[in-house]
Amino acid sequence: MKYISTRGQAPELTFEEAMLTGLARDGGLYLPAEIPVMSHDEIAALAGLPYEEIAFRVMWPYVSGSFSEDEFKDIIARAYEGFGHDARAPLKQLNENHFLLELFHGPTLAFKDFAMQLIGHLFQVALKRRNDRVTIVGATSGDTGSAAIEAFRGLDAVDVFILFPHGRVSEVQRRQMTTPADSNVHALAVDGDFDDCQAALKDMFNDFDFRDGVKLAGVNSINFARVLAQIVYYFSAAVSVGAPHRKVSFTVPTGNFGDIFAGYLAKRMGLPIDRLVVATNQNDILHRCLSGEGYFKGDTIPSISPSMDIQVSSNFERALYYAYGEDGSAVAQLMDELKTGGFNVSQGAMEALRESFDSGRVSEDETLETIKQTLTHSAELVCPHSAIGIKVGEEHRSAEVPMITLATAHPAKFPAAVEKASGEHPPLPSRMSDLYERPERVTRIANDLDALEDHIKGHIAE
């Protein structure tokens, strides 16, 4: 399997090369040159299998040639052995034909663990084979950072620097990033919002002297390996409710578009997905775009669902690549227009997007009310992001097609909002009970590319 850039001007790479590279050198995002398709019988055969076996069957076509079968099976087993639920991604029924897919049983209590734990082991095997080391820099709106730190902490061949917006993540999210004592972990609180952190990360990748000098690698959802790991739970959940013998829809609380793009790839692989529903908070650039208003940046407004406080959804570029008929030059032009504020989507591309995607927007008050009502009527305590998904999922639910809403984080990661809505304080799991007592290590830093690059160069291991 070869990987190509969404902007069409970077060399084709193997899976391992694309994973270690992260962002393509033309500024684009890597995608498989061809999307493998699973037959009806192959999908039906997934029913009842352990999550790890489903993961191998779904992901193997993407990684073959870079890892052996035995090597990849071992990586998958080690990636998920630390999850707190044997099903890894269990389903709970909320309502008639509406199900909740719990994706928060990993070590940092968020869906990012499914991809990050896998990537950590993939990197470890690949770097050992190459006798090499890399510097990982990530930008996070809350969950990616802690998942990356958990996956790479203590590894000899990796230094990890995580940029997060100062004062704009929950206390639990912050402490998960700032309390690890491992010397290869560095938490950087940037004076700005998530879009500033993400822009700085992309600027680092486009500064080739810096990129090559520190051997920069990325584990944000710009890295295709992140998206790949997330495809799996669409298959595991869908077969649990009757696929491929019936269609299924998914609602996804969406910030950076990586999680729902994984669902789009699952559909392209043959999973009978009816609708993929984008659920946004008040930072609703995706909802506005899918409603025909163009893709124009606004101000990022802090919310009780901070992981979705994003105005530039980097993975949307991958969806645009397919919507524009795999025309890399068209995508490159759109991304240039985005630098000056945004762009309108062509009629043909909008029609292509609407073949798969719907969307909805949820206010702060509606989010709080949904947390309360979900506890009252379904006995499920959910985080604000999951509540946004539930609200939009209910609005798009039908009697004919099961709706699965992704529960992206444990409610204990956002205790203030959850308690305000429900009156219940969600406790942390016992393995994290001392999180508030652990000492923090964090560097506050200006939203300045030179300052960030200088700090990283000064703190990587020799």
Foldseek 3Di string as FASTA:
>chain_A
DWKAFLQGDADIDALLVLQLLLAGLVRGFIDDPDQAADDQVRLLVCPPDALLVLLCVQQVVRHPVPDDSVLLSVLSCQLQVQFPDRSCFDWDDQDQLEIETLLQRHPLFFVLSLLQSSSLSSVVVVCVVVVAAAEEEEEALFPNQLSNCVSNAPDPRYAYEYEAAPPQFFPSSQLSQFQDPGQSGAYEHEPDHRVLSVVLVSVCSNPVVLCVVRVYGYDDLSRVSSLSSLLSVVSNVLVVVPPPVAEAEEFEADAQCSNLVSVVSNVVNPTRYQAYEYFYEPLPQVQCQLVQNFLWFDDQDRALPRRRSHSHNSCVLVLLCVLVVNNSNVSVVQVVVVVVTGGGDDPSSSVVCVSHYHYDYDYRVQLLQQQQVSCVRVVDRAASSQSSRVVVQVVPDDNRHRYYYYRGGHNQSRQVSSCVSHVDGDADPPVCNCSVVRDTHHHYDYSDSVRVSVVSVVSHDD
